[in-house]
Amino acid sequence: MKHLLTVKEAAEYLRLAESTIYKMVSRRDIPFMKIGTRVIFDLEMLAEWVEAHTVHPVGGKRRRVSNAA
């Protein structure tokens, strides 16, 4: 079963404002689905979209980033 997110949850996941998410949806810059008038997001599709838009450092060396808060 797909893990679906609301606009608010997608904004939290991407660390963006909800208004930015709505702008990205209106420009079709981000993968989304509509059920009636509701805009929803598939978590797996968002994760793939993030990976596809990740800019890696020149030279191919990747730094490890700590997820510690």
Protein backbone atom coordinates (compact mmCIF):
# COMPACT_ATOMS: atom_id res chain seq x y z
CA MET A 1 0.00 0.00 0.00
CA LYS A 2 1.25 3.47 -0.87
CA HIS A 3 2.15 5.94 1.85
CA LEU A 4 0.27 9.10 0.91
CA LEU A 5 1.02 12.56 2.30
CA THR A 6 -1.04 15.72 2.61
CA VAL A 7 0.32 19.07 1.46
CA LYS A 8 1.27 19.85 5.07
CA GLU A 9 3.10 16.51 5.46
CA ALA A 10 4.88 16.92 2.12
CA ALA A 11 5.96 20.43 3.16
CA GLU A 12 7.33 19.06 6.43
CA TYR A 13 9.10 16.19 4.61
CA LEU A 14 10.74 18.60 2.14
CA ARG A 15 11.19 21.35 4.75
CA LEU A 16 9.37 23.86 2.59
CA ALA A 17 6.44 26.17 3.23
CA GLU A 18 3.00 24.88 2.27
CA SER A 19 2.63 27.86 -0.08
CA THR A 20 5.81 26.74 -1.89
CA ILE A 21 4.37 23.24 -2.30
CA TYR A 22 1.17 24.69 -3.80
CA LYS A 23 3.23 26.84 -6.22
CA MET A 24 5.27 23.79 -7.26
CA VAL A 25 2.04 21.84 -7.83
CA SER A 26 0.54 24.63 -9.96
CA ARG A 27 3.73 24.68 -12.09
CA ARG A 28 3.80 20.84 -12.11
CA ASP A 29 7.35 20.94 -10.75
CA ILE A 30 6.71 18.16 -8.24
CA PRO A 31 4.96 14.78 -8.57
CA PHE A 32 1.46 14.82 -7.08
CA MET A 33 -1.98 13.25 -7.37
CA LYS A 34 -5.45 14.72 -7.09
CA ILE A 35 -8.43 13.02 -5.57
CA GLY A 36 -11.35 15.31 -6.16
CA THR A 37 -10.01 18.69 -5.09
CA ARG A 38 -7.41 17.24 -2.68
CA VAL A 39 -3.74 17.32 -3.61
CA ILE A 40 -1.78 14.37 -2.23
CA PHE A 41 1.73 13.00 -2.60
CA ASP A 42 3.19 9.51 -2.73
CA LEU A 43 6.13 9.37 -0.30
CA GLU A 44 8.13 7.03 -2.55
CA MET A 45 7.65 9.31 -5.57
CA LEU A 46 8.73 12.33 -3.52
CA ALA A 47 11.85 10.49 -2.34
CA GLU A 48 12.71 9.59 -5.95
CA TRP A 49 12.08 13.19 -7.01
CA VAL A 50 14.43 14.45 -4.28
CA GLU A 51 17.14 11.99 -5.37
CA ALA A 52 16.75 13.05 -9.01
CA HIS A 53 17.19 16.70 -7.99
CA THR A 54 20.15 16.15 -5.70
CA VAL A 55 23.33 17.94 -6.76
CA HIS A 56 26.43 15.92 -5.91
CA PRO A 57 29.86 17.50 -5.35
CA VAL A 58 32.35 17.71 -8.21
CA GLY A 59 34.83 14.84 -8.19
CA GLY A 60 32.30 12.29 -7.07
CA LYS A 61 33.29 12.36 -3.39
CA ARG A 62 30.28 12.36 -1.13
CA ARG A 63 30.37 13.61 2.42
CA ARG A 64 28.35 11.81 5.02
CA VAL A 65 25.75 14.05 6.56
CA SER A 66 24.65 13.32 10.09
CA ASN A 67 20.90 13.13 10.67
CA ALA A 68 21.38 14.04 14.32
CA ALA A 69 19.11 16.86 15.40
